[in-house]
Amino acid sequence: MRLQDKVALITGSAGGMGKAAAELFAREGASIIVTDVVAGAGEETARGIREAGGKAIFVKADVSKEEDVKQLVAHGIDAFGSIDVLYNNAGIMPTDDGGVTVLSEAVWDRIMDVNLKSAFFCAKHVVPHMLEKRKGSIINVASFVALMGCTVPQDAYTASKGGMLSLTKSFAIQYGPHGVRCNAICPGPIETPLLRVLWTSEEARNLRLNRIPMGRFGEINDIIYMALYLASDESSWTTGAWLVVDGGISSNYF
């Protein structure tokens, strides 16, 4: 198994892509720290992993709050002894995001807190444990929109994901000499409930689909298998990378 004897902390793992990653990593031998603000679904994710023969605990936490993150990491260390993989997956993409001329400060702050500040807090409290072992992998979920502009702006989301890319480079340089790697995944449009809320019509959906050279939207497995590679020792010489998994949309001029 590709993650045998590793411990992975996956934020936002009560549902969606985070849950799928937790289940995949568990099947590959990792012990999973499931965390989310949604307690019922988070408990269910952890229970499902245990019932399938894996190891998992659930810790309710709002990862945009430092005290919650401190308690989360402490619970994880108490349960499993270490954290080898930090998967900063938690994120929001609310419909009230937009261009800066119409964007409220409250929406900007909420998106930054969940999408970017959470990665800061989690790294702040996990990295010291990785440095003690001189080994670890941090996986940041960014987005293809951090690499290119869009005529339908989501400026807070875009800025938060650009921040994730910058943190990735900084973490890679700081901690690489101590055996800790950091990489970012830049997903293209993934057909999840988070994206579907932006499709106000079939025309809006097709407008996005027609820009993807591969002819389909991404699927959750397209992203979590990249994360599996980054979590595993197979990527032991990969750090500071921005890995674009977008069906080619960011390469498409017209």
C-alpha atoms as a PDB file:
ATOM      1  CA  MET A   1       0.000   0.000   0.000  1.00  0.00           C
ATOM      2  CA  ARG A   2       1.274   3.431  -0.953  1.00  0.00           C
ATOM      3  CA  LEU A   3       0.689   5.154   2.405  1.00  0.00           C
ATOM      4  CA  GLN A   4       1.405   2.319   4.800  1.00  0.00           C
ATOM      5  CA  ASP A   5       2.124   3.567   8.358  1.00  0.00           C
ATOM      6  CA  LYS A   6       1.527   7.229   7.478  1.00  0.00           C
ATOM      7  CA  VAL A   7      -0.868   9.564   9.292  1.00  0.00           C
ATOM      8  CA  ALA A   8      -2.799  12.081   7.209  1.00  0.00           C
ATOM      9  CA  LEU A   9      -4.684  15.137   8.410  1.00  0.00           C
ATOM     10  CA  ILE A  10      -7.234  16.141   5.755  1.00  0.00           C
ATOM     11  CA  THR A  11      -9.174  19.353   6.297  1.00  0.00           C
ATOM     12  CA  GLY A  12     -12.726  19.693   5.038  1.00  0.00           C
ATOM     13  CA  SER A  13     -13.082  15.924   4.914  1.00  0.00           C
ATOM     14  CA  ALA A  14     -16.687  15.424   6.032  1.00  0.00           C
ATOM     15  CA  GLY A  15     -17.835  15.304   2.420  1.00  0.00           C
ATOM     16  CA  GLY A  16     -16.976  15.909  -1.207  1.00  0.00           C
ATOM     17  CA  MET A  17     -13.383  15.745  -2.333  1.00  0.00           C
ATOM     18  CA  GLY A  18     -12.052  15.676   1.225  1.00  0.00           C
ATOM     19  CA  LYS A  19     -14.109  12.629   2.134  1.00  0.00           C
ATOM     20  CA  ALA A  20     -13.075  10.836  -1.053  1.00  0.00           C
ATOM     21  CA  ALA A  21      -9.419  11.598  -0.296  1.00  0.00           C
ATOM     22  CA  ALA A  22      -9.784  10.329   3.271  1.00  0.00           C
ATOM     23  CA  GLU A  23     -11.281   7.061   2.049  1.00  0.00           C
ATOM     24  CA  LEU A  24      -8.628   6.618  -0.653  1.00  0.00           C
ATOM     25  CA  PHE A  25      -5.744   7.371   1.692  1.00  0.00           C
ATOM     26  CA  ALA A  26      -7.164   4.934   4.254  1.00  0.00           C
ATOM     27  CA  ARG A  27      -7.395   2.186   1.632  1.00  0.00           C
ATOM     28  CA  GLU A  28      -3.733   2.854   0.872  1.00  0.00           C
ATOM     29  CA  GLY A  29      -2.767   2.265   4.499  1.00  0.00           C
ATOM     30  CA  ALA A  30      -2.855   5.708   6.117  1.00  0.00           C
ATOM     31  CA  SER A  31      -4.433   6.540   9.456  1.00  0.00           C
ATOM     32  CA  ILE A  32      -6.771   9.467   8.883  1.00  0.00           C
ATOM     33  CA  ILE A  33      -7.569  12.520  10.983  1.00  0.00           C
ATOM     34  CA  VAL A  34     -10.906  13.652   9.577  1.00  0.00           C
ATOM     35  CA  THR A  35     -11.824  17.228  10.397  1.00  0.00           C
ATOM     36  CA  ASP A  36     -14.632  19.570   9.444  1.00  0.00           C
ATOM     37  CA  VAL A  37     -17.141  21.967  10.957  1.00  0.00           C
ATOM     38  CA  VAL A  38     -19.942  19.495  10.137  1.00  0.00           C
ATOM     39  CA  ALA A  39     -19.866  17.002  12.977  1.00  0.00           C
ATOM     40  CA  GLY A  40     -22.428  14.448  11.820  1.00  0.00           C
ATOM     41  CA  ALA A  41     -20.977  13.967   8.353  1.00  0.00           C
ATOM     42  CA  GLY A  42     -17.443  14.006   9.713  1.00  0.00           C
ATOM     43  CA  GLU A  43     -18.211  11.274  12.225  1.00  0.00           C
ATOM     44  CA  GLU A  44     -19.809   9.266   9.443  1.00  0.00           C
ATOM     45  CA  THR A  45     -16.702   9.586   7.257  1.00  0.00           C
ATOM     46  CA  ALA A  46     -14.450   8.353  10.056  1.00  0.00           C
ATOM     47  CA  ARG A  47     -16.861   5.564  10.996  1.00  0.00           C
ATOM     48  CA  GLY A  48     -17.071   4.390   7.393  1.00  0.00           C
ATOM     49  CA  ILE A  49     -13.285   4.168   7.185  1.00  0.00           C
ATOM     50  CA  ARG A  50     -13.115   2.139  10.397  1.00  0.00           C
ATOM     51  CA  GLU A  51     -15.895  -0.190   9.262  1.00  0.00           C
ATOM     52  CA  ALA A  52     -13.940  -0.813   6.058  1.00  0.00           C
ATOM     53  CA  GLY A  53     -10.952  -1.909   8.122  1.00  0.00           C
ATOM     54  CA  GLY A  54      -9.046   1.374   8.221  1.00  0.00           C
ATOM     55  CA  LYS A  55      -8.012   3.712  11.019  1.00  0.00           C
ATOM     56  CA  ALA A  56      -9.644   7.100  11.457  1.00  0.00           C
ATOM     57  CA  ILE A  57     -10.799   9.600  14.023  1.00  0.00           C
ATOM     58  CA  PHE A  58     -12.980  12.663  13.618  1.00  0.00           C
ATOM     59  CA  VAL A  59     -12.173  15.971  15.293  1.00  0.00           C
ATOM     60  CA  LYS A  60     -14.622  18.817  14.862  1.00  0.00           C
ATOM     61  CA  ALA A  61     -12.729  22.009  14.106  1.00  0.00           C
ATOM     62  CA  ASP A  62     -13.093  25.313  12.355  1.00  0.00           C
ATOM     63  CA  VAL A  63      -9.656  25.467  10.740  1.00  0.00           C
ATOM     64  CA  SER A  64      -9.951  29.232  10.266  1.00  0.00           C
ATOM     65  CA  LYS A  65      -9.573  29.548  14.060  1.00  0.00           C
ATOM     66  CA  GLU A  66      -6.152  28.951  15.563  1.00  0.00           C
ATOM     67  CA  GLU A  67      -7.347  27.531  18.878  1.00  0.00           C
ATOM     68  CA  ASP A  68      -9.424  24.929  17.021  1.00  0.00           C
ATOM     69  CA  VAL A  69      -6.385  23.965  14.950  1.00  0.00           C
ATOM     70  CA  LYS A  70      -4.170  23.631  18.039  1.00  0.00           C
ATOM     71  CA  GLN A  71      -6.694  21.255  19.592  1.00  0.00           C
ATOM     72  CA  LEU A  72      -7.120  19.379  16.305  1.00  0.00           C
ATOM     73  CA  VAL A  73      -3.410  18.727  15.937  1.00  0.00           C
ATOM     74  CA  ALA A  74      -3.086  17.735  19.599  1.00  0.00           C
ATOM     75  CA  HIS A  75      -5.915  15.194  19.241  1.00  0.00           C
ATOM     76  CA  GLY A  76      -4.318  13.779  16.105  1.00  0.00           C
ATOM     77  CA  ILE A  77      -0.915  13.393  17.727  1.00  0.00           C
ATOM     78  CA  ASP A  78      -2.471  11.797  20.808  1.00  0.00           C
ATOM     79  CA  ALA A  79      -4.363   9.305  18.650  1.00  0.00           C
ATOM     80  CA  PHE A  80      -1.686   8.320  16.152  1.00  0.00           C
ATOM     81  CA  GLY A  81       1.661   9.662  17.385  1.00  0.00           C
ATOM     82  CA  SER A  82       2.521  11.760  14.356  1.00  0.00           C
ATOM     83  CA  ILE A  83       1.219  13.627  11.325  1.00  0.00           C
ATOM     84  CA  ASP A  84       3.055  12.730   8.130  1.00  0.00           C
ATOM     85  CA  VAL A  85       0.704  14.329   5.590  1.00  0.00           C
ATOM     86  CA  LEU A  86      -1.125  17.643   5.852  1.00  0.00           C
ATOM     87  CA  TYR A  87      -3.740  17.972   3.107  1.00  0.00           C
ATOM     88  CA  ASN A  88      -5.079  21.540   3.123  1.00  0.00           C
ATOM     89  CA  ASN A  89      -8.309  20.770   1.308  1.00  0.00           C
ATOM     90  CA  ALA A  90     -10.843  22.974   3.130  1.00  0.00           C
ATOM     91  CA  GLY A  91     -12.248  25.717   0.948  1.00  0.00           C
ATOM     92  CA  ILE A  92     -15.341  27.664  -0.021  1.00  0.00           C
ATOM     93  CA  MET A  93     -16.474  29.275  -3.273  1.00  0.00           C
ATOM     94  CA  PRO A  94     -19.603  31.270  -2.376  1.00  0.00           C
ATOM     95  CA  THR A  95     -21.858  32.795  -4.987  1.00  0.00           C
ATOM     96  CA  ASP A  96     -21.590  36.253  -3.406  1.00  0.00           C
ATOM     97  CA  ASP A  97     -17.933  36.475  -4.441  1.00  0.00           C
ATOM     98  CA  GLY A  98     -17.279  38.724  -7.448  1.00  0.00           C
ATOM     99  CA  GLY A  99     -15.230  41.644  -8.737  1.00  0.00           C
ATOM    100  CA  VAL A 100     -13.646  43.988  -6.211  1.00  0.00           C
ATOM    101  CA  THR A 101     -16.009  46.851  -7.050  1.00  0.00           C
ATOM    102  CA  VAL A 102     -18.994  44.851  -5.804  1.00  0.00           C
ATOM    103  CA  LEU A 103     -17.348  42.550  -3.264  1.00  0.00           C
ATOM    104  CA  SER A 104     -18.099  43.151   0.409  1.00  0.00           C
ATOM    105  CA  GLU A 105     -15.391  43.126   3.037  1.00  0.00           C
ATOM    106  CA  ALA A 106     -17.275  40.443   4.968  1.00  0.00           C
ATOM    107  CA  VAL A 107     -17.299  38.050   1.996  1.00  0.00           C
ATOM    108  CA  TRP A 108     -13.625  38.765   1.265  1.00  0.00           C
ATOM    109  CA  ASP A 109     -12.667  38.045   4.876  1.00  0.00           C
ATOM    110  CA  ARG A 110     -14.737  34.856   5.083  1.00  0.00           C
ATOM    111  CA  ILE A 111     -13.174  33.403   1.945  1.00  0.00           C
ATOM    112  CA  MET A 112      -9.655  34.355   3.007  1.00  0.00           C
ATOM    113  CA  ASP A 113     -10.205  32.860   6.451  1.00  0.00           C
ATOM    114  CA  VAL A 114     -11.391  29.477   5.176  1.00  0.00           C
ATOM    115  CA  ASN A 115      -9.273  29.165   2.043  1.00  0.00           C
ATOM    116  CA  LEU A 116      -5.959  30.695   3.105  1.00  0.00           C
ATOM    117  CA  LYS A 117      -5.731  31.420   6.812  1.00  0.00           C
ATOM    118  CA  SER A 118      -6.640  27.788   7.532  1.00  0.00           C
ATOM    119  CA  ALA A 119      -3.536  26.609   5.651  1.00  0.00           C
ATOM    120  CA  PHE A 120      -1.415  29.036   7.684  1.00  0.00           C
ATOM    121  CA  PHE A 121      -2.794  27.771  10.991  1.00  0.00           C
ATOM    122  CA  CYS A 122      -2.552  24.097  10.053  1.00  0.00           C
ATOM    123  CA  ALA A 123       1.027  24.416   8.819  1.00  0.00           C
ATOM    124  CA  LYS A 124       1.978  26.461  11.888  1.00  0.00           C
ATOM    125  CA  HIS A 125       0.938  23.647  14.213  1.00  0.00           C
ATOM    126  CA  VAL A 126       1.739  20.577  12.089  1.00  0.00           C
ATOM    127  CA  VAL A 127       5.136  21.506  10.651  1.00  0.00           C
ATOM    128  CA  PRO A 128       6.986  21.386  14.009  1.00  0.00           C
ATOM    129  CA  HIS A 129       5.992  17.719  14.349  1.00  0.00           C
ATOM    130  CA  MET A 130       7.195  17.010  10.808  1.00  0.00           C
ATOM    131  CA  LEU A 131      10.501  18.763  11.512  1.00  0.00           C
ATOM    132  CA  GLU A 132      11.063  16.527  14.532  1.00  0.00           C
ATOM    133  CA  LYS A 133      10.829  13.479  12.255  1.00  0.00           C
ATOM    134  CA  ARG A 134      12.604  15.247   9.364  1.00  0.00           C
ATOM    135  CA  LYS A 135       9.899  14.000   7.037  1.00  0.00           C
ATOM    136  CA  GLY A 136       6.496  15.136   5.854  1.00  0.00           C
ATOM    137  CA  SER A 137       4.337  16.177   2.924  1.00  0.00           C
ATOM    138  CA  ILE A 138       2.110  19.253   2.773  1.00  0.00           C
ATOM    139  CA  ILE A 139      -0.476  19.327  -0.016  1.00  0.00           C
ATOM    140  CA  ASN A 140      -2.182  22.647  -0.717  1.00  0.00           C
ATOM    141  CA  VAL A 141      -5.298  22.794  -2.863  1.00  0.00           C
ATOM    142  CA  ALA A 142      -5.106  25.883  -5.066  1.00  0.00           C
ATOM    143  CA  SER A 143      -6.921  26.346  -8.389  1.00  0.00           C
ATOM    144  CA  PHE A 144      -6.281  26.932 -12.067  1.00  0.00           C
ATOM    145  CA  VAL A 145      -7.894  30.362 -11.630  1.00  0.00           C
ATOM    146  CA  ALA A 146      -4.826  31.395  -9.618  1.00  0.00           C
ATOM    147  CA  LEU A 147      -2.860  31.110 -12.865  1.00  0.00           C
ATOM    148  CA  MET A 148      -5.130  32.974 -15.281  1.00  0.00           C
ATOM    149  CA  GLY A 149      -7.814  35.640 -15.333  1.00  0.00           C
ATOM    150  CA  CYS A 150     -11.530  35.149 -15.857  1.00  0.00           C
ATOM    151  CA  THR A 151     -14.206  37.380 -17.389  1.00  0.00           C
ATOM    152  CA  VAL A 152     -16.582  36.198 -14.650  1.00  0.00           C
ATOM    153  CA  PRO A 153     -14.504  37.249 -11.641  1.00  0.00           C
ATOM    154  CA  GLN A 154     -14.338  35.659  -8.217  1.00  0.00           C
ATOM    155  CA  ASP A 155     -11.667  37.955  -6.872  1.00  0.00           C
ATOM    156  CA  ALA A 156     -11.583  36.796  -3.256  1.00  0.00           C
ATOM    157  CA  TYR A 157     -11.458  33.112  -4.245  1.00  0.00           C
ATOM    158  CA  THR A 158      -8.806  33.811  -6.886  1.00  0.00           C
ATOM    159  CA  ALA A 159      -6.652  35.809  -4.466  1.00  0.00           C
ATOM    160  CA  SER A 160      -6.940  33.136  -1.783  1.00  0.00           C
ATOM    161  CA  LYS A 161      -5.774  30.447  -4.197  1.00  0.00           C
ATOM    162  CA  GLY A 162      -2.941  32.639  -5.431  1.00  0.00           C
ATOM    163  CA  GLY A 163      -1.885  32.921  -1.804  1.00  0.00           C
ATOM    164  CA  MET A 164      -1.836  29.131  -1.552  1.00  0.00           C
ATOM    165  CA  LEU A 165       0.601  28.999  -4.461  1.00  0.00           C
ATOM    166  CA  SER A 166       2.920  31.524  -2.829  1.00  0.00           C
ATOM    167  CA  LEU A 167       2.813  29.686   0.495  1.00  0.00           C
ATOM    168  CA  THR A 168       3.664  26.468  -1.324  1.00  0.00           C
ATOM    169  CA  LYS A 169       6.887  27.921  -2.716  1.00  0.00           C
ATOM    170  CA  SER A 170       7.830  29.482   0.613  1.00  0.00           C
ATOM    171  CA  PHE A 171       7.194  26.286   2.599  1.00  0.00           C
ATOM    172  CA  ALA A 172       9.141  24.215   0.064  1.00  0.00           C
ATOM    173  CA  ILE A 173      12.212  26.424   0.376  1.00  0.00           C
ATOM    174  CA  GLN A 174      12.058  26.757   4.163  1.00  0.00           C
ATOM    175  CA  TYR A 175      11.447  23.145   5.053  1.00  0.00           C
ATOM    176  CA  GLY A 176      12.952  21.152   2.185  1.00  0.00           C
ATOM    177  CA  PRO A 177      16.384  21.020   3.849  1.00  0.00           C
ATOM    178  CA  HIS A 178      14.659  19.388   6.831  1.00  0.00           C
ATOM    179  CA  GLY A 179      12.895  16.680   4.830  1.00  0.00           C
ATOM    180  CA  VAL A 180       9.467  18.331   4.596  1.00  0.00           C
ATOM    181  CA  ARG A 181       7.968  18.797   1.147  1.00  0.00           C
ATOM    182  CA  CYS A 182       5.170  21.105   0.024  1.00  0.00           C
ATOM    183  CA  ASN A 183       3.298  21.056  -3.273  1.00  0.00           C
ATOM    184  CA  ALA A 184       0.092  22.540  -4.650  1.00  0.00           C
ATOM    185  CA  ILE A 185      -2.598  21.008  -6.820  1.00  0.00           C
ATOM    186  CA  CYS A 186      -4.374  23.399  -9.191  1.00  0.00           C
ATOM    187  CA  PRO A 187      -7.652  21.717 -10.158  1.00  0.00           C
ATOM    188  CA  GLY A 188      -9.633  22.850 -13.152  1.00  0.00           C
ATOM    189  CA  PRO A 189     -13.445  22.781 -13.087  1.00  0.00           C
ATOM    190  CA  ILE A 190     -14.475  19.688 -11.132  1.00  0.00           C
ATOM    191  CA  GLU A 191     -18.096  18.607 -11.386  1.00  0.00           C
ATOM    192  CA  THR A 192     -19.031  18.884  -7.722  1.00  0.00           C
ATOM    193  CA  PRO A 193     -21.932  20.575  -5.908  1.00  0.00           C
ATOM    194  CA  LEU A 194     -19.546  23.476  -5.183  1.00  0.00           C
ATOM    195  CA  LEU A 195     -19.226  24.172  -8.909  1.00  0.00           C
ATOM    196  CA  ARG A 196     -22.797  23.384  -9.905  1.00  0.00           C
ATOM    197  CA  VAL A 197     -24.121  26.313  -7.872  1.00  0.00           C
ATOM    198  CA  LEU A 198     -22.419  28.586 -10.405  1.00  0.00           C
ATOM    199  CA  TRP A 199     -24.257  27.041 -13.343  1.00  0.00           C
ATOM    200  CA  THR A 200     -27.386  29.110 -13.676  1.00  0.00           C
ATOM    201  CA  SER A 201     -28.288  27.406 -16.959  1.00  0.00           C
ATOM    202  CA  GLU A 202     -27.197  24.718 -19.407  1.00  0.00           C
ATOM    203  CA  GLU A 203     -25.687  27.507 -21.481  1.00  0.00           C
ATOM    204  CA  ALA A 204     -23.530  28.589 -18.538  1.00  0.00           C
ATOM    205  CA  ARG A 205     -22.376  25.011 -18.051  1.00  0.00           C
ATOM    206  CA  ASN A 206     -21.523  24.525 -21.727  1.00  0.00           C
ATOM    207  CA  LEU A 207     -19.651  27.820 -21.849  1.00  0.00           C
ATOM    208  CA  ARG A 208     -17.162  26.349 -19.396  1.00  0.00           C
ATOM    209  CA  LEU A 209     -17.182  22.854 -20.878  1.00  0.00           C
ATOM    210  CA  ASN A 210     -16.363  24.093 -24.363  1.00  0.00           C
ATOM    211  CA  ARG A 211     -13.076  25.557 -23.106  1.00  0.00           C
ATOM    212  CA  ILE A 212     -11.776  22.180 -21.875  1.00  0.00           C
ATOM    213  CA  PRO A 213      -9.722  20.345 -24.533  1.00  0.00           C
ATOM    214  CA  MET A 214     -10.338  16.952 -22.901  1.00  0.00           C
ATOM    215  CA  GLY A 215     -14.081  17.439 -23.489  1.00  0.00           C
ATOM    216  CA  ARG A 216     -15.285  16.803 -19.951  1.00  0.00           C
ATOM    217  CA  PHE A 217     -15.270  18.343 -16.519  1.00  0.00           C
ATOM    218  CA  GLY A 218     -12.898  16.934 -13.973  1.00  0.00           C
ATOM    219  CA  GLU A 219     -13.883  14.228 -11.533  1.00  0.00           C
ATOM    220  CA  ILE A 220     -12.922  13.908  -7.890  1.00  0.00           C
ATOM    221  CA  ASN A 221     -10.613  10.970  -8.637  1.00  0.00           C
ATOM    222  CA  ASP A 222      -8.602  13.137 -11.036  1.00  0.00           C
ATOM    223  CA  ILE A 223      -7.541  15.265  -8.084  1.00  0.00           C
ATOM    224  CA  ILE A 224      -7.289  12.852  -5.186  1.00  0.00           C
ATOM    225  CA  TYR A 225      -5.022  10.448  -7.070  1.00  0.00           C
ATOM    226  CA  MET A 226      -2.632  13.340  -7.673  1.00  0.00           C
ATOM    227  CA  ALA A 227      -2.813  14.030  -3.942  1.00  0.00           C
ATOM    228  CA  LEU A 228      -2.082  10.354  -3.262  1.00  0.00           C
ATOM    229  CA  TYR A 229       1.105  10.627  -5.312  1.00  0.00           C
ATOM    230  CA  LEU A 230       2.160  13.734  -3.385  1.00  0.00           C
ATOM    231  CA  ALA A 231       1.397  12.092  -0.035  1.00  0.00           C
ATOM    232  CA  SER A 232       3.407   8.995  -0.904  1.00  0.00           C
ATOM    233  CA  ASP A 233       7.159   8.456  -0.945  1.00  0.00           C
ATOM    234  CA  GLU A 234       6.916   8.173  -4.731  1.00  0.00           C
ATOM    235  CA  SER A 235       7.109  11.980  -4.808  1.00  0.00           C
ATOM    236  CA  SER A 236      10.108  12.198  -2.464  1.00  0.00           C
ATOM    237  CA  TRP A 237      11.969  14.570  -4.845  1.00  0.00           C
ATOM    238  CA  THR A 238       8.941  16.688  -5.710  1.00  0.00           C
ATOM    239  CA  THR A 239       8.584  19.932  -3.808  1.00  0.00           C
ATOM    240  CA  GLY A 240       7.565  23.499  -4.591  1.00  0.00           C
ATOM    241  CA  ALA A 241       5.556  22.255  -7.583  1.00  0.00           C
ATOM    242  CA  TRP A 242       2.268  23.647  -8.849  1.00  0.00           C
ATOM    243  CA  LEU A 243       0.633  20.618 -10.438  1.00  0.00           C
ATOM    244  CA  VAL A 244      -2.124  21.684 -12.825  1.00  0.00           C
ATOM    245  CA  VAL A 245      -4.884  19.085 -13.269  1.00  0.00           C
ATOM    246  CA  ASP A 246      -7.396  20.882 -15.450  1.00  0.00           C
ATOM    247  CA  GLY A 247      -8.095  18.937 -18.647  1.00  0.00           C
ATOM    248  CA  GLY A 248      -6.043  21.517 -20.524  1.00  0.00           C
ATOM    249  CA  ILE A 249      -8.306  24.514 -19.901  1.00  0.00           C
ATOM    250  CA  SER A 250      -5.440  26.775 -18.804  1.00  0.00           C
ATOM    251  CA  SER A 251      -3.626  26.027 -22.077  1.00  0.00           C
ATOM    252  CA  ASN A 252      -6.595  27.033 -24.249  1.00  0.00           C
ATOM    253  CA  TYR A 253      -6.362  30.449 -25.889  1.00  0.00           C
ATOM    254  CA  PHE A 254      -9.771  30.277 -27.613  1.00  0.00           C
END
